[in-house]
Every structure is written in structure tokens, then in C-alpha cells.
Protein backbone atom coordinates (compact mmCIF):
# COMPACT_ATOMS: atom_id res chain seq x y z
CA MET A 1 0.00 0.00 0.00
CA LYS A 2 2.23 2.80 1.26
CA THR A 3 5.41 2.31 -0.71
CA LYS A 4 6.11 5.99 -1.26
CA VAL A 5 9.37 7.45 -0.08
CA PHE A 6 8.74 8.99 3.30
CA LEU A 7 8.97 12.74 3.27
CA THR A 8 11.68 13.27 5.82
CA SER A 9 12.77 16.27 3.78
CA VAL A 10 9.56 18.01 4.82
CA LEU A 11 10.53 17.60 8.47
CA ALA A 12 14.12 18.59 7.89
CA ALA A 13 13.17 21.73 5.99
CA CYS A 14 10.84 22.88 8.75
CA LEU A 15 13.27 22.09 11.55
CA MET A 16 16.02 24.11 9.87
CA LEU A 17 13.90 27.25 10.01
CA ALA A 18 14.64 29.23 13.15
CA SER A 19 11.40 31.15 12.86
CA CYS A 20 8.66 31.72 10.31
CA GLY A 21 7.03 34.71 11.91
CA LYS A 22 6.73 36.95 14.94
CA SER A 23 8.09 35.65 18.23
CA TYR A 24 5.66 35.46 21.17
CA ASP A 25 6.16 34.98 24.90
CA ALA A 26 5.50 31.29 25.65
CA PRO A 27 2.49 30.57 27.83
CA LYS A 28 2.28 27.78 30.38
CA ALA A 29 0.37 24.63 29.51
CA GLN A 30 -1.88 25.25 32.55
CA LEU A 31 -2.00 21.51 33.22
CA ASN A 32 -0.79 19.87 36.43
CA ARG A 33 1.61 17.10 35.51
CA ALA A 34 0.84 15.20 38.72
CA ASP A 35 -2.80 14.89 37.66
CA PHE A 36 -1.71 12.71 34.75
CA GLN A 37 1.00 10.65 36.40
CA THR A 38 -0.52 7.24 37.05
CA GLU A 39 0.04 3.61 36.14
CA ILE A 40 -2.11 2.19 33.33
CA ASP A 41 -1.80 -1.42 32.16
CA GLY A 42 1.44 -1.73 34.08
CA LYS A 43 3.03 1.32 32.43
CA GLN A 44 3.58 4.84 33.73
CA ASN A 45 1.58 7.65 32.17
CA ASP A 46 3.04 11.15 32.05
CA LEU A 47 2.80 14.50 30.27
CA TYR A 48 5.28 15.66 27.62
CA ILE A 49 5.51 19.23 26.34
CA LEU A 50 6.83 20.37 22.96
CA THR A 51 7.65 24.08 22.56
CA ASN A 52 8.94 26.03 19.57
CA ALA A 53 10.67 29.39 19.17
CA ASN A 54 7.32 31.16 18.85
CA GLY A 55 5.98 29.92 22.17
CA VAL A 56 3.53 27.44 20.66
CA GLU A 57 3.07 24.47 22.99
CA VAL A 58 1.82 20.94 22.36
CA THR A 59 1.18 18.71 25.38
CA MET A 60 0.92 14.92 24.98
CA MET A 61 0.73 11.78 27.13
CA ASN A 62 1.40 8.05 26.86
CA PHE A 63 -2.22 6.94 27.09
CA GLY A 64 -3.44 6.69 23.52
CA ALA A 65 -0.48 8.88 22.47
CA ARG A 66 -3.02 11.66 22.96
CA ILE A 67 -2.62 15.34 22.26
CA VAL A 68 -3.90 16.89 25.48
CA SER A 69 -3.50 20.56 24.57
CA ILE A 70 -2.24 22.84 21.81
CA CYS A 71 -1.64 26.47 22.77
CA THR A 72 -1.38 28.89 19.85
CA PRO A 73 -1.62 32.70 19.53
CA ASP A 74 -4.46 34.67 18.00
CA LYS A 75 -4.10 37.75 15.78
CA ASN A 76 -3.27 39.84 18.87
CA GLY A 77 -0.66 37.41 20.20
CA LYS A 78 -2.96 36.03 22.90
CA PHE A 79 -2.51 32.30 23.50
CA ALA A 80 -5.34 29.82 23.97
CA ASP A 81 -5.80 26.06 23.97
CA VAL A 82 -7.43 25.05 20.69
CA VAL A 83 -8.19 21.34 21.28
CA LEU A 84 -10.72 19.59 23.49
CA GLY A 85 -9.53 17.47 26.41
CA PHE A 86 -9.51 17.05 30.19
CA ASP A 87 -7.53 18.52 33.11
CA ASN A 88 -6.54 15.10 34.46
CA ILE A 89 -6.25 11.46 33.44
CA GLN A 90 -9.40 10.10 35.08
CA PRO A 91 -12.00 11.39 32.57
CA TYR A 92 -9.93 9.86 29.77
CA LEU A 93 -10.22 6.50 31.51
CA ASP A 94 -13.89 6.83 32.47
CA ASN A 95 -15.26 8.11 29.18
CA LYS A 96 -15.02 6.45 25.79
CA THR A 97 -13.84 9.61 24.08
CA ASP A 98 -11.21 9.88 21.38
CA PHE A 99 -10.02 13.39 22.31
CA GLY A 100 -6.58 13.89 20.72
CA ALA A 101 -5.99 10.16 20.28
CA PHE A 102 -3.84 7.98 18.05
CA ILE A 103 -6.42 5.89 16.14
CA GLY A 104 -5.84 2.35 14.84
CA ARG A 105 -5.47 -0.36 13.76
CA TYR A 106 -8.16 0.79 11.40
CA GLY A 107 -9.46 4.36 11.64
CA ASN A 108 -13.12 4.77 10.63
CA ARG A 109 -15.64 1.97 10.09
CA ILE A 110 -15.52 -1.59 8.78
CA ASP A 111 -18.89 -3.08 7.85
CA LYS A 112 -19.88 -5.80 10.35
CA GLY A 113 -16.23 -5.86 11.41
CA GLN A 114 -15.56 -8.35 8.63
CA PHE A 115 -13.13 -8.48 5.72
CA THR A 116 -11.16 -10.98 3.65
CA ILE A 117 -7.44 -11.02 2.81
CA ASP A 118 -6.03 -13.65 0.47
CA GLY A 119 -9.15 -15.78 0.87
CA ILE A 120 -9.04 -15.72 4.67
CA GLU A 121 -12.05 -14.16 6.41
CA TYR A 122 -11.46 -12.09 9.54
CA GLN A 123 -13.88 -10.93 12.21
CA VAL A 124 -12.64 -7.99 14.26
CA SER A 125 -14.03 -6.27 17.34
CA VAL A 126 -17.46 -4.66 16.86
CA ASN A 127 -18.21 -1.54 18.90
CA ASP A 128 -20.46 0.70 16.77
CA GLY A 129 -23.74 -1.12 16.39
CA THR A 130 -22.85 -3.91 13.98
CA ASN A 131 -19.68 -2.16 12.80
CA SER A 132 -16.09 -1.90 13.91
CA LEU A 133 -15.10 1.72 14.55
CA HIS A 134 -11.56 3.04 15.13
CA GLY A 135 -10.07 -0.37 15.85
CA GLY A 136 -12.80 -1.85 18.02
CA VAL A 137 -13.56 -1.95 21.73
CA LYS A 138 -9.94 -1.32 22.66
CA GLY A 139 -8.39 0.51 19.77
CA TYR A 140 -4.99 2.17 20.10
CA GLN A 141 -6.61 5.22 21.68
CA TYR A 142 -6.91 3.15 24.88
CA CYS A 143 -3.41 1.65 24.77
CA MET A 144 -0.19 2.77 26.45
CA PHE A 145 2.55 3.99 24.11
CA ASP A 146 6.26 3.87 24.89
CA ILE A 147 8.40 6.99 24.57
CA GLU A 148 11.31 6.38 22.22
CA GLN A 149 12.67 9.92 22.07
CA ILE A 150 11.83 13.32 23.51
CA ASN A 151 13.32 16.79 23.12
CA ASN A 152 11.96 20.32 23.08
CA GLN A 153 10.36 20.01 19.67
CA GLN A 154 9.98 16.31 18.97
CA LEU A 155 8.39 13.26 20.57
CA VAL A 156 8.67 9.72 19.18
CA VAL A 157 6.23 7.09 20.47
CA SER A 158 5.89 3.39 19.68
CA TYR A 159 3.46 0.55 20.20
CA THR A 160 3.40 -3.10 19.19
CA SER A 161 -0.01 -4.57 18.43
CA ALA A 162 0.00 -8.35 18.79
CA ASP A 163 -1.31 -10.72 16.14
CA GLY A 164 -5.03 -11.16 16.76
CA GLU A 165 -5.41 -8.04 18.92
CA MET A 166 -9.04 -6.93 18.45
CA GLY A 167 -9.19 -9.66 15.78
CA PHE A 168 -6.72 -8.05 13.37
CA PRO A 169 -4.13 -10.33 11.75
CA GLY A 170 -0.39 -9.84 12.08
CA THR A 171 1.90 -8.33 14.67
CA LEU A 172 2.07 -4.63 13.85
CA ASN A 173 5.08 -2.60 14.98
CA MET A 174 4.27 1.10 14.92
CA LYS A 175 6.11 4.33 15.46
CA ALA A 176 4.80 7.88 15.33
CA THR A 177 6.95 11.01 15.35
CA TYR A 178 5.41 14.29 16.50
CA THR A 179 7.48 17.31 15.49
CA LEU A 180 6.59 20.90 16.41
CA THR A 181 8.44 23.12 13.94
CA ASP A 182 9.26 26.79 14.13
CA CYS A 183 6.84 27.15 11.23
CA ASN A 184 4.13 26.45 13.85
CA SER A 185 3.45 23.12 12.17
CA LEU A 186 2.72 19.94 14.08
CA VAL A 187 3.98 17.16 11.83
CA ILE A 188 2.71 13.65 12.62
CA ALA A 189 4.59 10.92 10.76
CA TYR A 190 3.42 7.31 11.08
CA GLU A 191 5.36 4.15 10.21
CA ALA A 192 4.30 0.52 10.63
CA THR A 193 5.46 -2.95 9.60
CA THR A 194 3.78 -6.34 9.90
CA ASP A 195 4.66 -10.03 9.83
CA LYS A 196 1.36 -10.99 8.20
CA ALA A 197 -0.88 -9.35 5.63
CA THR A 198 -3.19 -6.98 7.47
CA VAL A 199 -5.18 -3.75 7.09
CA VAL A 200 -3.81 -0.47 8.46
CA ASN A 201 -5.37 2.99 8.60
CA LEU A 202 -3.88 5.29 11.24
CA THR A 203 -4.97 8.83 12.06
CA ASN A 204 -5.24 11.46 14.79
CA HIS A 205 -8.55 12.33 16.42
CA SER A 206 -7.99 15.83 17.82
CA TYR A 207 -11.08 17.99 18.27
CA PHE A 208 -10.26 21.55 17.17
CA ASN A 209 -11.89 24.80 18.19
CA LEU A 210 -9.71 27.71 17.06
CA ALA A 211 -11.67 30.24 19.11
CA GLY A 212 -10.12 28.68 22.19
CA ASP A 213 -13.39 28.70 24.12
CA ALA A 214 -14.78 25.32 22.99
CA GLN A 215 -18.25 26.78 22.58
CA SER A 216 -19.05 26.18 18.92
CA VAL A 217 -17.36 25.81 15.55
CA LEU A 218 -20.43 26.76 13.52
CA ASP A 219 -18.91 30.17 12.75
CA HIS A 220 -15.55 28.69 11.72
CA MET A 221 -14.79 28.85 8.01
CA LEU A 222 -13.84 25.59 6.31
CA TYR A 223 -12.11 24.96 2.99
CA LEU A 224 -11.62 21.46 1.58
CA ASN A 225 -9.63 20.70 -1.56
CA ALA A 226 -12.08 17.99 -2.60
CA ASP A 227 -14.47 17.59 -5.52
CA ALA A 228 -16.13 14.45 -4.15
CA TYR A 229 -17.08 12.56 -1.01
CA THR A 230 -18.18 9.03 -0.07
CA PRO A 231 -21.87 8.91 0.94
CA VAL A 232 -23.01 6.57 3.73
CA ASN A 233 -26.05 4.42 4.42
CA ASP A 234 -28.26 4.45 7.52
CA ILE A 235 -25.62 2.73 9.67
CA PHE A 236 -22.80 5.06 8.54
CA ILE A 237 -21.20 2.52 6.21
CA THR A 238 -20.07 3.88 2.85
CA THR A 239 -22.27 2.90 -0.07
CA GLY A 240 -19.20 2.46 -2.26
CA GLU A 241 -20.17 5.44 -4.38
CA ILE A 242 -18.04 8.53 -4.90
CA ASP A 243 -20.38 11.47 -5.34
CA SER A 244 -19.66 14.97 -6.55
CA VAL A 245 -20.00 17.77 -4.02
CA GLU A 246 -21.31 20.08 -6.74
CA GLY A 247 -24.57 21.72 -5.76
CA THR A 248 -24.70 20.04 -2.32
CA PRO A 249 -24.01 21.11 1.29
CA MET A 250 -20.83 19.01 1.01
CA ASP A 251 -19.17 21.59 -1.23
CA PHE A 252 -16.39 23.38 0.68
CA ARG A 253 -14.24 24.19 -2.32
CA LYS A 254 -14.65 27.82 -1.30
CA PRO A 255 -14.27 28.83 2.37
CA THR A 256 -17.72 28.35 3.85
CA ARG A 257 -19.17 28.87 7.31
CA ILE A 258 -19.62 25.40 8.83
CA GLY A 259 -23.02 26.28 10.25
CA GLU A 260 -24.36 27.65 6.98
CA ARG A 261 -25.80 24.36 5.74
CA ILE A 262 -25.17 21.85 8.53
CA ASN A 263 -28.84 21.67 9.50
CA ASN A 264 -30.08 21.18 5.96
CA TYR A 265 -31.68 17.85 6.76
CA ASP A 266 -33.49 17.89 3.44
CA PHE A 267 -30.10 16.66 2.26
CA ASP A 268 -30.26 13.04 3.37
CA GLN A 269 -26.54 12.68 4.19
CA LEU A 270 -26.67 15.45 6.80
CA LYS A 271 -29.78 13.94 8.34
CA LYS A 272 -28.07 10.56 8.66
CA GLY A 273 -24.96 11.98 10.29
CA ASN A 274 -26.80 14.61 12.35
CA GLY A 275 -24.38 16.98 10.64
CA TYR A 276 -21.03 16.40 8.96
CA ASP A 277 -19.45 13.00 9.62
CA HIS A 278 -18.15 12.05 6.20
CA ASN A 279 -15.05 11.23 4.20
CA TRP A 280 -14.02 13.69 1.50
CA VAL A 281 -12.00 12.49 -1.48
CA LEU A 282 -9.02 14.83 -1.59
CA ASN A 283 -7.68 16.25 -4.84
CA THR A 284 -4.17 16.41 -3.41
CA LYS A 285 -1.46 13.91 -4.28
CA CYS A 286 1.30 14.84 -1.83
CA PRO A 287 1.83 16.68 1.50
CA LYS A 288 3.09 19.79 -0.28
CA GLU A 289 -0.41 20.53 -1.54
CA LEU A 290 -2.97 22.21 0.72
CA ALA A 291 -5.67 19.68 1.58
CA GLY A 292 -7.83 22.04 3.60
CA LYS A 293 -8.01 25.02 5.91
CA LEU A 294 -9.98 25.92 9.03
CA ALA A 295 -10.25 29.53 10.23
CA ASP A 296 -11.88 31.37 13.11
CA PRO A 297 -12.73 34.89 11.89
CA VAL A 298 -12.96 36.32 15.41
CA SER A 299 -9.60 35.23 16.84
CA GLY A 300 -7.91 35.16 13.44
CA ARG A 301 -6.45 31.71 14.14
CA THR A 302 -6.07 29.41 11.16
CA LEU A 303 -5.27 25.74 10.72
CA GLU A 304 -4.04 24.36 7.42
CA PHE A 305 -3.61 20.64 6.94
CA TYR A 306 -1.51 18.64 4.49
CA THR A 307 -1.30 14.89 3.95
CA ASN A 308 -0.34 12.06 1.64
CA GLU A 309 -3.61 10.28 2.48
CA PRO A 310 -6.39 10.10 -0.15
CA GLY A 311 -9.14 11.29 2.17
CA VAL A 312 -10.12 13.27 5.25
CA GLN A 313 -12.93 12.41 7.64
CA VAL A 314 -14.61 15.61 8.81
CA TYR A 315 -16.62 15.25 12.02
CA THR A 316 -18.37 18.24 13.59
CA GLY A 317 -18.90 16.90 17.12
CA ASN A 318 -22.52 16.02 16.38
CA PHE A 319 -22.78 13.60 19.29
CA LEU A 320 -21.25 15.78 21.97
CA ASP A 321 -24.23 16.38 24.25
CA GLY A 322 -23.08 18.54 27.14
CA SER A 323 -22.47 15.57 29.44
CA LEU A 324 -18.69 16.08 29.41
CA LYS A 325 -16.82 18.83 31.25
CA GLY A 326 -13.40 19.50 29.83
CA LYS A 327 -10.45 21.65 30.74
CA LYS A 328 -11.30 24.56 33.05
CA GLY A 329 -14.77 23.08 33.55
CA VAL A 330 -15.94 23.96 30.05
CA VAL A 331 -19.03 21.98 29.03
CA TYR A 332 -18.65 20.35 25.64
CA ASN A 333 -21.93 20.80 23.82
CA GLN A 334 -22.93 19.61 20.39
CA ARG A 335 -20.63 20.93 17.65
CA ALA A 336 -18.15 22.40 20.09
CA ALA A 337 -15.29 21.25 17.86
CA ILE A 338 -14.34 19.73 14.53
CA CYS A 339 -12.11 16.74 13.70
CA LEU A 340 -9.99 16.66 10.56
CA GLU A 341 -8.85 13.03 10.31
CA THR A 342 -6.53 12.39 7.35
CA GLN A 343 -6.87 8.74 6.33
CA HIS A 344 -7.97 6.16 3.76
CA TYR A 345 -11.65 5.79 2.94
CA PRO A 346 -14.13 4.06 5.28
CA ASP A 347 -14.70 0.31 4.81
CA SER A 348 -11.83 0.11 2.32
CA PRO A 349 -11.07 -3.52 3.33
CA ASN A 350 -14.38 -4.44 1.67
CA ARG A 351 -14.09 -2.05 -1.26
CA PRO A 352 -11.51 -3.18 -3.83
CA GLU A 353 -12.39 -0.12 -5.92
CA PHE A 354 -11.02 2.14 -3.14
CA PRO A 355 -7.28 2.74 -2.56
CA SER A 356 -5.86 -0.33 -0.82
CA VAL A 357 -5.24 -0.45 2.93
CA ILE A 358 -3.48 -3.82 2.91
CA VAL A 359 0.09 -3.93 4.21
CA ARG A 360 2.18 -7.07 3.66
CA PRO A 361 5.39 -8.36 5.21
CA GLY A 362 8.39 -6.50 3.80
CA GLU A 363 6.33 -3.35 3.20
CA THR A 364 6.31 -0.26 5.40
CA TYR A 365 3.14 1.69 5.98
CA LYS A 366 3.92 5.41 5.92
CA SER A 367 1.51 8.24 6.47
CA ILE A 368 1.95 11.91 7.22
CA CYS A 369 -0.36 14.60 8.54
CA ILE A 370 0.71 18.21 8.99
CA TYR A 371 -1.36 20.64 11.04
CA LYS A 372 -0.02 24.14 10.41
CA PHE A 373 -1.24 26.83 12.79
CA GLY A 374 -1.24 30.51 11.90
CA VAL A 375 -3.15 33.75 11.99
CA CYS A 376 -4.68 35.65 9.14
CA GLY A 377 -3.47 39.18 8.37
CA LYS A 378 -5.54 42.10 9.60
CA ALA A 379 -7.18 42.68 6.23
CA ALA A 380 -7.83 38.97 5.78
CA CYS A 381 -9.24 38.70 9.30
CA GLU A 382 -11.51 41.67 8.74
CA GLN A 383 -12.59 40.19 5.44
CA ALA A 384 -13.17 36.80 7.05
CA THR A 385 -15.09 38.39 9.93
CA ALA A 386 -17.23 40.30 7.45
CA ALA A 387 -17.76 37.08 5.53
CA CYS A 388 -18.74 35.34 8.74
CA ASP A 389 -21.17 38.11 9.65
CA LYS A 390 -22.54 37.90 6.14
CA LYS A 391 -22.96 34.16 6.47
CA GLN A 392 -24.62 34.54 9.87
CA ASN A 393 -27.10 36.95 8.36
CA CYS A 394 -27.46 34.82 5.27
CA GLU A 395 -30.23 32.64 6.63
CA LYS A 396 -32.04 35.72 7.89
CA LYS A 397 -31.46 37.40 4.57
CA GLN A 398 -32.67 34.32 2.74
CA ASP A 399 -35.77 34.30 4.92
CA CYS A 400 -36.23 38.00 4.23
CA ALA A 401 -35.62 37.43 0.56
CA LYS A 402 -38.08 34.57 0.62
CA LYS A 403 -40.58 36.76 2.41
CA ALA A 404 -39.86 39.53 -0.06
CA GLU A 405 -40.43 37.10 -2.90
CA CYS A 406 -43.74 36.10 -1.35
CA THR A 407 -44.64 39.74 -0.83
CA LYS A 408 -43.49 40.50 -4.34
CA ALA A 409 -45.57 37.63 -5.64
CA ALA A 410 -48.53 38.81 -3.60
CA ASN A 411 -47.98 42.34 -4.80
CA CYS A 412 -47.60 41.01 -8.30
CA ASP A 413 -50.90 39.19 -8.01
CA LYS A 414 -52.39 42.28 -6.43
CA LYS A 415 -50.93 44.39 -9.19
CA GLN A 416 -52.23 41.99 -11.79
CA ASN A 417 -55.59 42.08 -10.07
CA CYS A 418 -55.36 45.85 -9.92
CA GLU A 419 -54.39 45.98 -13.55
CA LYS A 420 -57.20 43.59 -14.31
CA ALA A 421 -59.58 45.70 -12.27
CA ALA A 422 -58.22 48.80 -13.95
CA ALA A 423 -58.75 47.13 -17.29
CA CYS A 424 -62.29 46.28 -16.25
CA ASP A 425 -62.83 49.83 -15.03
CA LYS A 426 -61.33 51.12 -18.24
CA LYS A 427 -63.58 48.86 -20.21
CA ALA A 428 -66.55 49.87 -18.10
CA ASN A 429 -65.58 53.50 -18.44
CA CYS A 430 -65.08 52.96 -22.11
CA GLU A 431 -68.50 51.41 -22.42
CA LYS A 432 -69.88 54.13 -20.17
CA LYS A 433 -68.14 56.72 -22.30
CA GLN A 434 -69.49 55.08 -25.39
CA ASP A 435 -72.92 55.08 -23.77
CA CYS A 436 -72.40 58.67 -22.77
CA GLU A 437 -71.27 59.56 -26.24
CA LYS A 438 -74.22 57.66 -27.65
CA LYS A 439 -76.52 59.37 -25.19
CA ALA A 440 -74.91 62.66 -26.07
CA GLU A 441 -75.52 61.91 -29.71
CA CYS A 442 -79.11 61.07 -28.88
CA THR A 443 -79.45 64.21 -26.79
CA LYS A 444 -77.83 66.21 -29.53
CA ALA A 445 -80.23 64.73 -32.04
CA ALA A 446 -83.14 65.36 -29.71
CA ASN A 447 -81.94 68.88 -29.11
CA CYS A 448 -81.52 69.30 -32.80
CA ASP A 449 -85.08 68.12 -33.36
CA LYS A 450 -86.23 70.35 -30.54
CA LYS A 451 -84.35 73.28 -32.00
CA GLN A 452 -85.84 72.60 -35.38
CA ASN A 453 -89.25 72.35 -33.76
CA CYS A 454 -88.52 75.51 -31.83
CA GLU A 455 -87.43 77.31 -34.96
CA LYS A 456 -90.52 75.99 -36.75
CA ALA A 457 -92.68 77.09 -33.87
CA ALA A 458 -90.95 80.46 -33.86
CA ALA A 459 -91.57 80.73 -37.55
CA CYS A 460 -95.18 79.85 -36.91
CA ASP A 461 -95.36 82.41 -34.12
CA LYS A 462 -93.69 84.96 -36.34
CA LYS A 463 -96.18 84.26 -39.10
CA ALA A 464 -99.01 84.37 -36.64
CA ASN A 465 -97.73 87.62 -35.27
CA CYS A 466 -97.23 88.83 -38.75
CA ASP A 467 -100.84 87.96 -39.61
CA LYS A 468 -101.96 89.52 -36.38
CA LYS A 469 -99.97 92.64 -37.16
CA GLN A 470 -101.41 92.76 -40.59
CA ASN A 471 -104.86 92.36 -39.10
CA CYS A 472 -104.03 95.01 -36.55
CA GLU A 473 -102.84 97.38 -39.25
CA LYS A 474 -105.93 96.57 -41.30
CA ALA A 475 -108.11 97.18 -38.28
CA ALA A 476 -106.30 100.42 -37.56
CA ALA A 477 -106.82 101.51 -41.15
CA CYS A 478 -110.45 100.66 -40.79
CA ASP A 479 -110.66 102.61 -37.56
CA LYS A 480 -108.91 105.56 -39.18
CA LYS A 481 -111.27 105.50 -42.12
CA ALA A 482 -114.21 105.23 -39.80
CA ASN A 483 -113.00 108.18 -37.80
CA CYS A 484 -112.34 110.07 -40.99
CA ASP A 485 -115.84 109.41 -42.21
CA LYS A 486 -117.19 110.41 -38.83
CA LYS A 487 -115.23 113.65 -38.98
CA GLN A 488 -116.54 114.46 -42.40
CA ASN A 489 -120.01 113.79 -41.22
CA CYS A 490 -119.44 116.06 -38.27
């Protein structure tokens, strides 16, 4: 499987750099070493602190080779712990949590805990319903690792998993090197060899919250260099399909607020996982290519990750339920953190079409994961904060837009009705006008007839008067003649 030349040059290049940025005063880990010093499975547990020139601190322990804390600065140089965990060893023993743990022999799920290698069927430990998850009931996260080497910036741990442990074939000899560089990168390099063909898929299960308050990662911005993901069925086992992220809530090819679409349960995959708990198929081919980036717009902290693995399992703490109290008494509620687990695809032992996870005698499994911590520049932070605010208001804006659309539609209907009513009124007015005009025509005609009648009557009156006048004049002439005759007689 992993026959690539291990990228020791990546480590060497980073270690040679005295500093890649501003120097900060180193904070204290704020953890009491004595609270972790206890015997587990016959071995002594202890804390180990890595510190670089910039004051970044990574605290680890033997139990599960767990990362207990990572203290990094924000844009103002203020340090905070950006991973979930506990103040002492007891909660790690009492609770089946994977906070900061080394995961194996097989990270992620194996359907029914069954697979076949070279015609031999194997049944491994089942601990997730009917599935095997993260190595079974006692995966490596619950095992004690030996310390091979320790200095200020590097810790080397080892563990030997016996043949048949949790049902897995072959004795697996493992070594993991944790290097904190002055580039503020935590480089995790895994190596493993076996004496019998087996399956191997190792990863780290740190829960990140770059705000440093472990409240919520919904406002974090996430970028994934991935065009596809592997969908799951109702019991979280991959269907074997590789689906495009295009047009789905799984598309993080542009930095996107995690909470923007996480509750879109109309998208069946989010409903099944109660959020994001999926494997993305990375476009990257080597650790020099950026696989993804997480950013907190408020603090300005960023986390880039690089890997030679073909996938990354993104888990948004969907099953954290507030029952756990972490460091400083902080309650870990749902979606308080995000895991970025670089690894091979889920259920690969049963999927020959997926990249192989089989390691054989004479081969060396090699995997690398680089978590690079940083801060965005002022302009970038302001831009990211603005983007975050925009995203936070997006749902409200969408609701408003939707409401506006409804109002617009209602107004449109109203307008159409108004226009229709106006058309009706216009038509009615038109008809009324036509009636009026017709009536006016009729009135005009009637008036005309009346006028003609009036003129005729006037003519008649004039004639009558004329006749009367003539009669009057005739009568007057008669009277005059009569008077004249009377005068002559007189």
C-alpha cells in the first residue's frame, strides 16, 4: 500500500527554520503534571511538552499517544488552547472519548467488522452497532505507548499490536513522530510494519476549536480541496459510491461557514450523520499541496492541513451532548469542535475499488499529517469576519428574501388584479363613455329636433304675429277710415 518514499525532507526543511514569523512569549500549559501521572496497564503515564521558538506548545501523554493541549496565539498574540480534552487522566479512563488520540489499527468503520485477505475471512471487534469503529472496543486510543525519544520540539512514540489483537491479523510494529516546527506546524509521521498481511489505517482524532473557548465551531470557516465525497447508508457505512460535491451542502471548495448548511436535513446525508461526519476524497497527491483550511474569523487563528492520504474524515462533534466537562470546567456541547482526520476511505477492506489499505510483510506503511497553525493578516481577518457576519445573516437574509419574494408575488398578483380591475374599469368606463357619447348623440339629435321644432314654432309664431300685425294694421286703417268718415259727417 504505502510504498512511497517517506517525506523526511519536509521535516528537515521545517526544523532548519529558526522562525517563520513573529516571536511570542511562551504561555504555560496550565496543566498539572501530577494529575496525569498514574500507572495504566502496568506502564507509567506522564505529560510531555513540545515548545517552539514562537511559544507554541503541544502537550501529549502516553495513554493513547493523545494530544492533550495545543496552545497557539491569535491575531493579537494572545494564546489559547485550541483542542478539546480534560484537566486530568481520570476522565480519559472513564469516558469512551477519542479526544486527541492515536487511532488504529483501522481508523473509521468496517462493515460488520468483517473483511477478507487472500481468501481468509477475519472478524474484528465490533463496537459501533454492527460495525467496527476506530479499531474496536480497545483501539490504540486506549493503549499505552512507549516513549522512544523526547526533546523540546519532537516526541517519538511506539506501540506493538499483537497478532489477533481486536481480531486483526499480524503483529504490527508502529512508530509515530510528533514534530513541532518553528513554522508552527505539528507534523505527525506514522510508520508501521507487519509479519502478516493486514489492514492499516492510522490517524489522529484531535477535536479543534480555534476560538479557544470550545463553545461552537459553527462560525468557523472551512475549505476542503475535494471535488467528491463518499456517501453513507443508515448505519454510517459507505455505499461504495463517490459522489460529486457540486450543488450540495458538502461543497467546501470555497471557504464556507460550517453552520451555513449543517442543519439542511433535506439533504439526506446530513440527516443521517446529524451533521457532517463524512469522508471527502481529496484532490491532493502529496503533502506539499494544501488539503484544507480551518479559520476562526474572530480570533484570526487558522489551521491548514496537508497529507499524503487520499481522504479526510470531517466530524463536527454532532454527538457531543453537554455531558462532558473538559479543561477549566468547560461543558462540551454539540458541535463544540471539529475533527480533521486524514486517512484512507471508510470500509476500504471491503471495497476493492477504493485505494488499498493492505500492508504485507516486507512493506512499510507510511503516512503523514501536517497541522499548520497561523493567523490571518488584519485585512484577511476583517474580510473573514465580514464574511462570517454575512454568512450569519445569510439565513435571515434568505428568509427575508423569501418573504420579499412572497410579498413581491402577492404584490404582483395584487398588481395583476389591480391591472385587471383597472382594465375592467377602463372597459366599463369605455362602455360608459361610449354610452355617454351615444346618449350625447341622442341628446344632440333630440336637441336638434327640438331646435328645429322651436325654430318651426318660432316661424309659426312669427307668421301668426305677422298675420296679427297685418290684421291690426288693417283694423287700424279701418278705424282711421271710420274716424275720418265720422269727422266728415261732423
